[in-house]
């Protein structure tokens, strides 16, 4: 999903779709944060610590 959004962001910037650029940048921030959260939970689970 992230790579698709990144490709769409490049196209939006190339075509000067400023509203779309802002929306895609926000979507990418959200996707990256969710990935980081998931990776942190996996690390915690693999080390035997549970996150609350």
Protein backbone atom coordinates (compact mmCIF):
# COMPACT_ATOMS: atom_id res chain seq x y z
CA UNK A 1 0.00 0.00 0.00
CA UNK A 2 2.78 2.40 0.85
CA UNK A 3 4.54 1.99 -2.50
CA UNK A 4 1.25 2.58 -4.36
CA UNK A 5 0.61 5.75 -2.35
CA UNK A 6 4.18 6.91 -2.99
CA UNK A 7 3.71 6.40 -6.74
CA UNK A 8 0.44 8.32 -6.64
CA UNK A 9 2.15 11.10 -4.69
CA UNK A 10 4.83 11.45 -7.37
CA UNK A 11 2.14 11.66 -10.06
CA UNK A 12 0.14 14.20 -8.06
CA UNK A 13 3.22 16.38 -7.60
CA UNK A 14 4.08 16.11 -11.31
CA UNK A 15 0.57 17.19 -12.26
CA UNK A 16 0.35 19.87 -9.54
CA UNK A 17 -2.69 18.29 -7.88
CA UNK A 18 -2.04 20.12 -4.62
CA UNK A 19 -5.10 18.85 -2.77
CA UNK A 20 -4.22 15.30 -3.72
CA UNK A 21 -0.59 15.84 -2.66
CA UNK A 22 -1.68 16.91 0.81
CA UNK A 23 -4.07 13.97 1.18
CA UNK A 24 -1.48 11.45 -0.01
CA UNK A 25 1.18 12.86 2.30
CA UNK A 26 -1.22 12.46 5.23
CA UNK A 27 -2.08 8.91 4.14
CA UNK A 28 1.62 8.03 3.91
CA UNK A 29 2.27 9.41 7.40
CA UNK A 30 -0.59 7.28 8.73
CA UNK A 31 0.57 4.14 6.90
CA UNK A 32 4.15 4.55 8.11
CA UNK A 33 2.99 5.08 11.69
CA UNK A 34 0.80 1.98 11.56
CA UNK A 35 3.72 -0.04 10.19
CA UNK A 36 6.02 1.23 12.93
CA UNK A 37 3.40 0.38 15.58
CA UNK A 38 2.97 -3.14 14.17
CA UNK A 39 6.74 -3.71 14.04
CA UNK A 40 7.06 -2.53 17.65
CA UNK A 41 4.33 -4.94 18.74
CA UNK A 42 6.02 -7.80 16.91
CA UNK A 43 9.34 -7.03 18.58
CA UNK A 44 7.64 -6.92 21.97
CA UNK A 45 5.90 -10.23 21.34
CA UNK A 46 9.09 -11.91 20.15
CA UNK A 47 10.92 -10.76 23.28
CA UNK A 48 8.14 -12.04 25.53
CA UNK A 49 6.86 -8.61 26.54
CA UNK A 50 3.23 -7.73 25.89
CA UNK A 51 2.23 -4.18 25.04
CA UNK A 52 -0.81 -2.67 26.70
